[in-house]
């Protein structure tokens, strides 16, 4: 919910909090008065400030300062909650909802300025076998290692997200399909060199991928589905050649 939303329920301040705030404001006002500050307050000349007016103004200023700090804290908390809402529950990557949003943004930007972008759809091979043999904790460790390898070998401008289970998506701004294939093949080699260590066991992991260049006017869901289809075709070809 955004700050300033007319539908946002009003916060009722508890009496104890109000009393505490007033005490704090009164202390601030007393301190300001005791300092003998001769500078005008809020544009009001010193000669027009009676002690009561000065105290009232300083009390209001202290309350405004408290409210400002409260607002800054609330905005910081909102930023934290938005970040959590975009993150995958297990891995340090975007969840599917946030990934689709970023894909939409990059696609729209590319269409506006004539820039290319591509999508890589990744699937961890034999993930069910890993889960069955080493348990879900072993499968989670394999996913974490895969994520670390992918993040290490991507550009800052690339976007990585978990699309579900053992499936990931990578957005490559300013990249055509050939470049996407080259990047995917490089990632495959990096993953195949790695051995996941879990509970005294060694787990070899590998991946299948589909590379797809975004097309003008294409729906984002369609682009993801086509990259997914390309990944399954590669996976089927890999299994038939084994």
C-alpha atoms as a PDB file:
ATOM      1  CA  UNK A   1       0.000   0.000   0.000  1.00  0.00           C
ATOM      2  CA  UNK A   2       1.528   3.350  -0.974  1.00  0.00           C
ATOM      3  CA  UNK A   3       1.890   6.222   1.451  1.00  0.00           C
ATOM      4  CA  UNK A   4      -0.859   8.724   0.802  1.00  0.00           C
ATOM      5  CA  UNK A   5      -3.404   6.140  -0.316  1.00  0.00           C
ATOM      6  CA  UNK A   6      -6.866   7.641   0.451  1.00  0.00           C
ATOM      7  CA  UNK A   7      -8.115   4.148   1.310  1.00  0.00           C
ATOM      8  CA  UNK A   8      -5.359   3.579   3.832  1.00  0.00           C
ATOM      9  CA  UNK A   9      -6.813   3.265   7.369  1.00  0.00           C
ATOM     10  CA  UNK A  10      -5.923   6.084   9.734  1.00  0.00           C
ATOM     11  CA  UNK A  11      -3.515   5.177  12.522  1.00  0.00           C
ATOM     12  CA  UNK A  12      -4.985   5.807  15.953  1.00  0.00           C
ATOM     13  CA  UNK A  13      -2.255   6.969  18.332  1.00  0.00           C
ATOM     14  CA  UNK A  14      -2.476   5.342  21.773  1.00  0.00           C
ATOM     15  CA  UNK A  15      -2.904   7.756  24.674  1.00  0.00           C
ATOM     16  CA  UNK A  16       0.373   6.613  26.230  1.00  0.00           C
ATOM     17  CA  UNK A  17       2.246   7.297  22.962  1.00  0.00           C
ATOM     18  CA  UNK A  18       0.601  10.727  22.673  1.00  0.00           C
ATOM     19  CA  UNK A  19       1.594  11.603  26.234  1.00  0.00           C
ATOM     20  CA  UNK A  20       5.162  10.433  25.631  1.00  0.00           C
ATOM     21  CA  UNK A  21       5.390  12.427  22.409  1.00  0.00           C
ATOM     22  CA  UNK A  22       4.074  15.560  24.124  1.00  0.00           C
ATOM     23  CA  UNK A  23       6.566  15.153  26.946  1.00  0.00           C
ATOM     24  CA  UNK A  24       9.382  14.800  24.417  1.00  0.00           C
ATOM     25  CA  UNK A  25       8.165  17.841  22.522  1.00  0.00           C
ATOM     26  CA  UNK A  26       7.905  19.864  25.733  1.00  0.00           C
ATOM     27  CA  UNK A  27      11.478  18.955  26.630  1.00  0.00           C
ATOM     28  CA  UNK A  28      12.645  20.053  23.175  1.00  0.00           C
ATOM     29  CA  UNK A  29      10.701  23.288  23.523  1.00  0.00           C
ATOM     30  CA  UNK A  30      12.141  23.953  26.969  1.00  0.00           C
ATOM     31  CA  UNK A  31      15.648  23.274  25.731  1.00  0.00           C
ATOM     32  CA  UNK A  32      15.199  25.669  22.820  1.00  0.00           C
ATOM     33  CA  UNK A  33      13.793  28.348  25.130  1.00  0.00           C
ATOM     34  CA  UNK A  34      16.542  27.891  27.697  1.00  0.00           C
ATOM     35  CA  UNK A  35      19.205  28.305  25.048  1.00  0.00           C
ATOM     36  CA  UNK A  36      18.293  31.933  24.634  1.00  0.00           C
ATOM     37  CA  UNK A  37      18.181  31.636  20.873  1.00  0.00           C
ATOM     38  CA  UNK A  38      17.318  35.084  19.537  1.00  0.00           C
ATOM     39  CA  UNK A  39      16.757  33.960  15.941  1.00  0.00           C
ATOM     40  CA  UNK A  40      13.179  34.246  14.707  1.00  0.00           C
ATOM     41  CA  UNK A  41      11.147  31.040  14.700  1.00  0.00           C
ATOM     42  CA  UNK A  42       9.355  30.043  11.492  1.00  0.00           C
ATOM     43  CA  UNK A  43       9.684  33.567  10.156  1.00  0.00           C
ATOM     44  CA  UNK A  44       8.044  35.217  13.151  1.00  0.00           C
ATOM     45  CA  UNK A  45      10.109  38.141  14.473  1.00  0.00           C
ATOM     46  CA  UNK A  46      11.514  37.700  17.966  1.00  0.00           C
ATOM     47  CA  UNK A  47       9.623  40.741  19.271  1.00  0.00           C
ATOM     48  CA  UNK A  48       6.288  39.101  18.411  1.00  0.00           C
ATOM     49  CA  UNK A  49       7.068  35.851  20.199  1.00  0.00           C
ATOM     50  CA  UNK A  50       5.547  35.604  23.638  1.00  0.00           C
ATOM     51  CA  UNK A  51       6.834  32.764  25.816  1.00  0.00           C
ATOM     52  CA  UNK A  52       3.617  30.788  25.251  1.00  0.00           C
ATOM     53  CA  UNK A  53       3.715  31.276  21.463  1.00  0.00           C
ATOM     54  CA  UNK A  54       7.357  30.246  21.359  1.00  0.00           C
ATOM     55  CA  UNK A  55       6.661  27.136  23.427  1.00  0.00           C
ATOM     56  CA  UNK A  56       3.709  26.185  21.211  1.00  0.00           C
ATOM     57  CA  UNK A  57       5.739  26.621  18.033  1.00  0.00           C
ATOM     58  CA  UNK A  58       8.694  24.667  19.355  1.00  0.00           C
ATOM     59  CA  UNK A  59       6.356  21.890  20.493  1.00  0.00           C
ATOM     60  CA  UNK A  60       4.868  21.677  17.002  1.00  0.00           C
ATOM     61  CA  UNK A  61       8.314  21.668  15.417  1.00  0.00           C
ATOM     62  CA  UNK A  62       9.397  18.818  17.695  1.00  0.00           C
ATOM     63  CA  UNK A  63       6.266  16.835  16.809  1.00  0.00           C
ATOM     64  CA  UNK A  64       6.846  17.433  13.096  1.00  0.00           C
ATOM     65  CA  UNK A  65      10.411  16.173  13.463  1.00  0.00           C
ATOM     66  CA  UNK A  66       9.142  13.044  15.231  1.00  0.00           C
ATOM     67  CA  UNK A  67       6.567  12.451  12.500  1.00  0.00           C
ATOM     68  CA  UNK A  68       9.255  12.887   9.847  1.00  0.00           C
ATOM     69  CA  UNK A  69      11.412  10.218  11.499  1.00  0.00           C
ATOM     70  CA  UNK A  70       8.388   7.916  11.792  1.00  0.00           C
ATOM     71  CA  UNK A  71       7.661   8.392   8.090  1.00  0.00           C
ATOM     72  CA  UNK A  72      11.256   7.665   7.107  1.00  0.00           C
ATOM     73  CA  UNK A  73      11.144   4.475   9.168  1.00  0.00           C
ATOM     74  CA  UNK A  74       7.870   3.437   7.548  1.00  0.00           C
ATOM     75  CA  UNK A  75       9.231   4.075   4.042  1.00  0.00           C
ATOM     76  CA  UNK A  76      12.331   2.008   4.848  1.00  0.00           C
ATOM     77  CA  UNK A  77      10.119  -0.825   6.058  1.00  0.00           C
ATOM     78  CA  UNK A  78       8.011  -0.627   2.885  1.00  0.00           C
ATOM     79  CA  UNK A  79      11.180  -0.940   0.787  1.00  0.00           C
ATOM     80  CA  UNK A  80      12.171  -4.032   2.788  1.00  0.00           C
ATOM     81  CA  UNK A  81       8.735  -5.616   2.333  1.00  0.00           C
ATOM     82  CA  UNK A  82       8.757  -4.909  -1.418  1.00  0.00           C
ATOM     83  CA  UNK A  83      12.178  -6.544  -1.688  1.00  0.00           C
ATOM     84  CA  UNK A  84      10.919  -9.598   0.188  1.00  0.00           C
ATOM     85  CA  UNK A  85       7.852  -9.778  -2.063  1.00  0.00           C
ATOM     86  CA  UNK A  86      10.122  -9.926  -5.142  1.00  0.00           C
ATOM     87  CA  UNK A  87      12.519 -12.549  -3.780  1.00  0.00           C
ATOM     88  CA  UNK A  88      12.340 -16.316  -4.115  1.00  0.00           C
ATOM     89  CA  UNK A  89      11.582 -18.096  -0.839  1.00  0.00           C
ATOM     90  CA  UNK A  90      14.738 -20.250  -1.029  1.00  0.00           C
ATOM     91  CA  UNK A  91      17.249 -18.668  -3.378  1.00  0.00           C
ATOM     92  CA  UNK A  92      18.728 -15.154  -3.675  1.00  0.00           C
ATOM     93  CA  UNK A  93      17.014 -14.484  -7.021  1.00  0.00           C
ATOM     94  CA  UNK A  94      13.753 -12.958  -8.219  1.00  0.00           C
ATOM     95  CA  UNK A  95      10.589 -14.996  -7.957  1.00  0.00           C
ATOM     96  CA  UNK A  96       8.463 -15.632 -11.048  1.00  0.00           C
ATOM     97  CA  UNK A  97       6.191 -12.618 -10.544  1.00  0.00           C
ATOM     98  CA  UNK A  98       9.112 -10.195 -10.254  1.00  0.00           C
ATOM     99  CA  UNK A  99      10.935 -11.862 -13.159  1.00  0.00           C
ATOM    100  CA  UNK A 100       7.914 -11.455 -15.466  1.00  0.00           C
ATOM    101  CA  UNK A 101       7.669  -7.803 -14.427  1.00  0.00           C
ATOM    102  CA  UNK A 102      11.336  -7.211 -15.280  1.00  0.00           C
ATOM    103  CA  UNK A 103      10.969  -9.052 -18.583  1.00  0.00           C
ATOM    104  CA  UNK A 104       8.024  -6.833 -19.461  1.00  0.00           C
ATOM    105  CA  UNK A 105       9.976  -3.695 -18.555  1.00  0.00           C
ATOM    106  CA  UNK A 106      13.059  -4.686 -20.575  1.00  0.00           C
ATOM    107  CA  UNK A 107      10.950  -5.772 -23.550  1.00  0.00           C
ATOM    108  CA  UNK A 108       9.007  -2.493 -23.587  1.00  0.00           C
ATOM    109  CA  UNK A 109      12.224  -0.483 -23.256  1.00  0.00           C
ATOM    110  CA  UNK A 110      13.815  -2.407 -26.123  1.00  0.00           C
ATOM    111  CA  UNK A 111      10.828  -1.895 -28.392  1.00  0.00           C
ATOM    112  CA  UNK A 112      10.782   1.815 -27.670  1.00  0.00           C
ATOM    113  CA  UNK A 113      14.476   2.343 -28.418  1.00  0.00           C
ATOM    114  CA  UNK A 114      15.089  -0.422 -30.944  1.00  0.00           C
ATOM    115  CA  UNK A 115      17.225  -2.566 -28.644  1.00  0.00           C
ATOM    116  CA  UNK A 116      17.399  -6.361 -28.724  1.00  0.00           C
ATOM    117  CA  UNK A 117      16.941  -8.675 -25.760  1.00  0.00           C
ATOM    118  CA  UNK A 118      16.921 -12.431 -25.332  1.00  0.00           C
ATOM    119  CA  UNK A 119      15.680 -14.975 -22.860  1.00  0.00           C
ATOM    120  CA  UNK A 120      17.330 -18.173 -21.620  1.00  0.00           C
ATOM    121  CA  UNK A 121      15.154 -20.833 -20.013  1.00  0.00           C
ATOM    122  CA  UNK A 122      17.127 -23.222 -17.785  1.00  0.00           C
ATOM    123  CA  UNK A 123      16.210 -26.576 -16.244  1.00  0.00           C
ATOM    124  CA  UNK A 124      18.369 -28.561 -13.810  1.00  0.00           C
ATOM    125  CA  UNK A 125      18.698 -32.074 -15.252  1.00  0.00           C
ATOM    126  CA  UNK A 126      17.542 -35.081 -13.215  1.00  0.00           C
ATOM    127  CA  UNK A 127      16.437 -32.966 -10.286  1.00  0.00           C
ATOM    128  CA  UNK A 128      13.935 -35.612  -9.173  1.00  0.00           C
ATOM    129  CA  UNK A 129      16.725 -38.201  -9.086  1.00  0.00           C
ATOM    130  CA  UNK A 130      18.792 -35.880  -6.880  1.00  0.00           C
ATOM    131  CA  UNK A 131      15.860 -35.372  -4.511  1.00  0.00           C
ATOM    132  CA  UNK A 132      15.115 -39.083  -4.363  1.00  0.00           C
ATOM    133  CA  UNK A 133      18.727 -40.050  -3.691  1.00  0.00           C
ATOM    134  CA  UNK A 134      19.860 -37.246  -1.376  1.00  0.00           C
ATOM    135  CA  UNK A 135      16.579 -35.888  -0.022  1.00  0.00           C
ATOM    136  CA  UNK A 136      15.094 -32.436  -0.450  1.00  0.00           C
ATOM    137  CA  UNK A 137      17.934 -30.870   1.530  1.00  0.00           C
ATOM    138  CA  UNK A 138      20.374 -32.288  -1.012  1.00  0.00           C
ATOM    139  CA  UNK A 139      18.214 -30.978  -3.831  1.00  0.00           C
ATOM    140  CA  UNK A 140      18.112 -27.534  -2.213  1.00  0.00           C
ATOM    141  CA  UNK A 141      21.923 -27.549  -1.950  1.00  0.00           C
ATOM    142  CA  UNK A 142      22.164 -28.371  -5.668  1.00  0.00           C
ATOM    143  CA  UNK A 143      19.807 -25.478  -6.478  1.00  0.00           C
ATOM    144  CA  UNK A 144      21.831 -23.104  -4.304  1.00  0.00           C
ATOM    145  CA  UNK A 145      25.086 -24.113  -6.013  1.00  0.00           C
ATOM    146  CA  UNK A 146      23.506 -23.733  -9.447  1.00  0.00           C
ATOM    147  CA  UNK A 147      22.227 -20.272  -8.518  1.00  0.00           C
ATOM    148  CA  UNK A 148      25.671 -19.197  -7.298  1.00  0.00           C
ATOM    149  CA  UNK A 149      27.302 -20.341 -10.556  1.00  0.00           C
ATOM    150  CA  UNK A 150      24.727 -18.556 -12.685  1.00  0.00           C
ATOM    151  CA  UNK A 151      24.993 -15.291 -10.748  1.00  0.00           C
ATOM    152  CA  UNK A 152      28.781 -15.371 -10.843  1.00  0.00           C
ATOM    153  CA  UNK A 153      28.806 -15.678 -14.642  1.00  0.00           C
ATOM    154  CA  UNK A 154      26.171 -13.080 -15.524  1.00  0.00           C
ATOM    155  CA  UNK A 155      26.507  -9.357 -16.183  1.00  0.00           C
ATOM    156  CA  UNK A 156      25.139  -6.802 -13.744  1.00  0.00           C
ATOM    157  CA  UNK A 157      22.525  -5.886 -16.347  1.00  0.00           C
ATOM    158  CA  UNK A 158      21.303  -9.488 -16.724  1.00  0.00           C
ATOM    159  CA  UNK A 159      18.288 -10.616 -14.720  1.00  0.00           C
ATOM    160  CA  UNK A 160      18.033 -14.034 -13.052  1.00  0.00           C
ATOM    161  CA  UNK A 161      14.825 -15.474 -11.653  1.00  0.00           C
ATOM    162  CA  UNK A 162      13.414 -18.770 -10.465  1.00  0.00           C
ATOM    163  CA  UNK A 163      10.403 -19.697 -12.549  1.00  0.00           C
ATOM    164  CA  UNK A 164       9.467 -22.717 -10.469  1.00  0.00           C
ATOM    165  CA  UNK A 165      11.028 -25.825  -8.943  1.00  0.00           C
ATOM    166  CA  UNK A 166      14.299 -26.435 -10.769  1.00  0.00           C
ATOM    167  CA  UNK A 167      13.570 -24.017 -13.623  1.00  0.00           C
ATOM    168  CA  UNK A 168      15.213 -20.618 -14.024  1.00  0.00           C
ATOM    169  CA  UNK A 169      15.014 -17.724 -16.443  1.00  0.00           C
ATOM    170  CA  UNK A 170      17.718 -15.291 -17.520  1.00  0.00           C
ATOM    171  CA  UNK A 171      17.037 -12.019 -19.324  1.00  0.00           C
ATOM    172  CA  UNK A 172      19.915 -10.770 -21.475  1.00  0.00           C
ATOM    173  CA  UNK A 173      19.429  -7.111 -22.477  1.00  0.00           C
ATOM    174  CA  UNK A 174      21.114  -6.032 -25.711  1.00  0.00           C
ATOM    175  CA  UNK A 175      21.653  -9.635 -26.824  1.00  0.00           C
ATOM    176  CA  UNK A 176      20.368 -11.489 -29.897  1.00  0.00           C
ATOM    177  CA  UNK A 177      19.601 -15.220 -29.996  1.00  0.00           C
ATOM    178  CA  UNK A 178      23.118 -16.155 -31.113  1.00  0.00           C
ATOM    179  CA  UNK A 179      24.608 -14.320 -28.150  1.00  0.00           C
ATOM    180  CA  UNK A 180      22.068 -15.992 -25.860  1.00  0.00           C
ATOM    181  CA  UNK A 181      23.109 -19.443 -27.129  1.00  0.00           C
ATOM    182  CA  UNK A 182      26.762 -18.600 -26.563  1.00  0.00           C
ATOM    183  CA  UNK A 183      26.081 -17.402 -23.023  1.00  0.00           C
ATOM    184  CA  UNK A 184      23.967 -20.500 -22.270  1.00  0.00           C
ATOM    185  CA  UNK A 185      26.646 -22.853 -23.566  1.00  0.00           C
ATOM    186  CA  UNK A 186      29.215 -21.085 -21.410  1.00  0.00           C
ATOM    187  CA  UNK A 187      26.969 -21.526 -18.375  1.00  0.00           C
ATOM    188  CA  UNK A 188      26.521 -25.224 -19.176  1.00  0.00           C
ATOM    189  CA  UNK A 189      30.306 -25.707 -19.111  1.00  0.00           C
ATOM    190  CA  UNK A 190      30.680 -23.840 -15.824  1.00  0.00           C
ATOM    191  CA  UNK A 191      27.958 -25.940 -14.197  1.00  0.00           C
ATOM    192  CA  UNK A 192      29.373 -29.243 -15.473  1.00  0.00           C
ATOM    193  CA  UNK A 193      32.763 -28.424 -13.937  1.00  0.00           C
ATOM    194  CA  UNK A 194      31.162 -28.078 -10.522  1.00  0.00           C
ATOM    195  CA  UNK A 195      30.533 -30.806  -7.956  1.00  0.00           C
ATOM    196  CA  UNK A 196      28.043 -30.123  -5.182  1.00  0.00           C
ATOM    197  CA  UNK A 197      29.176 -31.337  -1.768  1.00  0.00           C
ATOM    198  CA  UNK A 198      26.376 -32.444   0.519  1.00  0.00           C
ATOM    199  CA  UNK A 199      26.525 -34.527   3.706  1.00  0.00           C
ATOM    200  CA  UNK A 200      29.710 -36.247   2.594  1.00  0.00           C
ATOM    201  CA  UNK A 201      28.304 -36.959  -0.878  1.00  0.00           C
ATOM    202  CA  UNK A 202      29.283 -35.572  -4.258  1.00  0.00           C
ATOM    203  CA  UNK A 203      26.439 -34.494  -6.539  1.00  0.00           C
ATOM    204  CA  UNK A 204      27.097 -33.814 -10.195  1.00  0.00           C
ATOM    205  CA  UNK A 205      24.706 -31.304 -11.722  1.00  0.00           C
ATOM    206  CA  UNK A 206      24.013 -30.302 -15.315  1.00  0.00           C
ATOM    207  CA  UNK A 207      21.425 -28.211 -17.081  1.00  0.00           C
ATOM    208  CA  UNK A 208      19.388 -27.969 -20.255  1.00  0.00           C
ATOM    209  CA  UNK A 209      18.491 -24.639 -21.792  1.00  0.00           C
ATOM    210  CA  UNK A 210      16.449 -22.923 -24.423  1.00  0.00           C
ATOM    211  CA  UNK A 211      17.504 -19.581 -25.934  1.00  0.00           C
ATOM    212  CA  UNK A 212      14.981 -17.244 -27.500  1.00  0.00           C
ATOM    213  CA  UNK A 213      15.141 -13.685 -28.862  1.00  0.00           C
ATOM    214  CA  UNK A 214      12.209 -11.450 -27.899  1.00  0.00           C
ATOM    215  CA  UNK A 215      10.068 -10.389 -30.842  1.00  0.00           C
ATOM    216  CA  UNK A 216       8.376  -7.056 -31.500  1.00  0.00           C
ATOM    217  CA  UNK A 217       4.834  -6.922 -30.137  1.00  0.00           C
ATOM    218  CA  UNK A 218       5.053 -10.377 -28.589  1.00  0.00           C
ATOM    219  CA  UNK A 219       3.366 -11.178 -25.295  1.00  0.00           C
ATOM    220  CA  UNK A 220       5.752 -11.907 -22.429  1.00  0.00           C
ATOM    221  CA  UNK A 221       4.005 -15.188 -21.559  1.00  0.00           C
ATOM    222  CA  UNK A 222       4.413 -16.304 -25.161  1.00  0.00           C
ATOM    223  CA  UNK A 223       8.145 -15.554 -25.091  1.00  0.00           C
ATOM    224  CA  UNK A 224       8.594 -17.573 -21.884  1.00  0.00           C
ATOM    225  CA  UNK A 225       6.593 -20.478 -23.339  1.00  0.00           C
ATOM    226  CA  UNK A 226       8.712 -20.522 -26.514  1.00  0.00           C
ATOM    227  CA  UNK A 227      11.972 -20.455 -24.547  1.00  0.00           C
ATOM    228  CA  UNK A 228      10.586 -23.259 -22.381  1.00  0.00           C
ATOM    229  CA  UNK A 229       9.717 -25.290 -25.490  1.00  0.00           C
ATOM    230  CA  UNK A 230      13.247 -24.800 -26.861  1.00  0.00           C
ATOM    231  CA  UNK A 231      14.630 -26.062 -23.554  1.00  0.00           C
ATOM    232  CA  UNK A 232      12.516 -29.230 -23.660  1.00  0.00           C
ATOM    233  CA  UNK A 233      13.590 -29.917 -27.229  1.00  0.00           C
ATOM    234  CA  UNK A 234      17.231 -29.705 -26.202  1.00  0.00           C
ATOM    235  CA  UNK A 235      16.591 -31.925 -23.174  1.00  0.00           C
ATOM    236  CA  UNK A 236      14.858 -34.529 -25.357  1.00  0.00           C
ATOM    237  CA  UNK A 237      17.711 -34.485 -27.871  1.00  0.00           C
ATOM    238  CA  UNK A 238      20.245 -34.866 -25.064  1.00  0.00           C
ATOM    239  CA  UNK A 239      18.452 -37.916 -23.626  1.00  0.00           C
ATOM    240  CA  UNK A 240      18.033 -39.569 -27.038  1.00  0.00           C
ATOM    241  CA  UNK A 241      21.763 -39.258 -27.687  1.00  0.00           C
ATOM    242  CA  UNK A 242      22.787 -40.810 -24.373  1.00  0.00           C
END
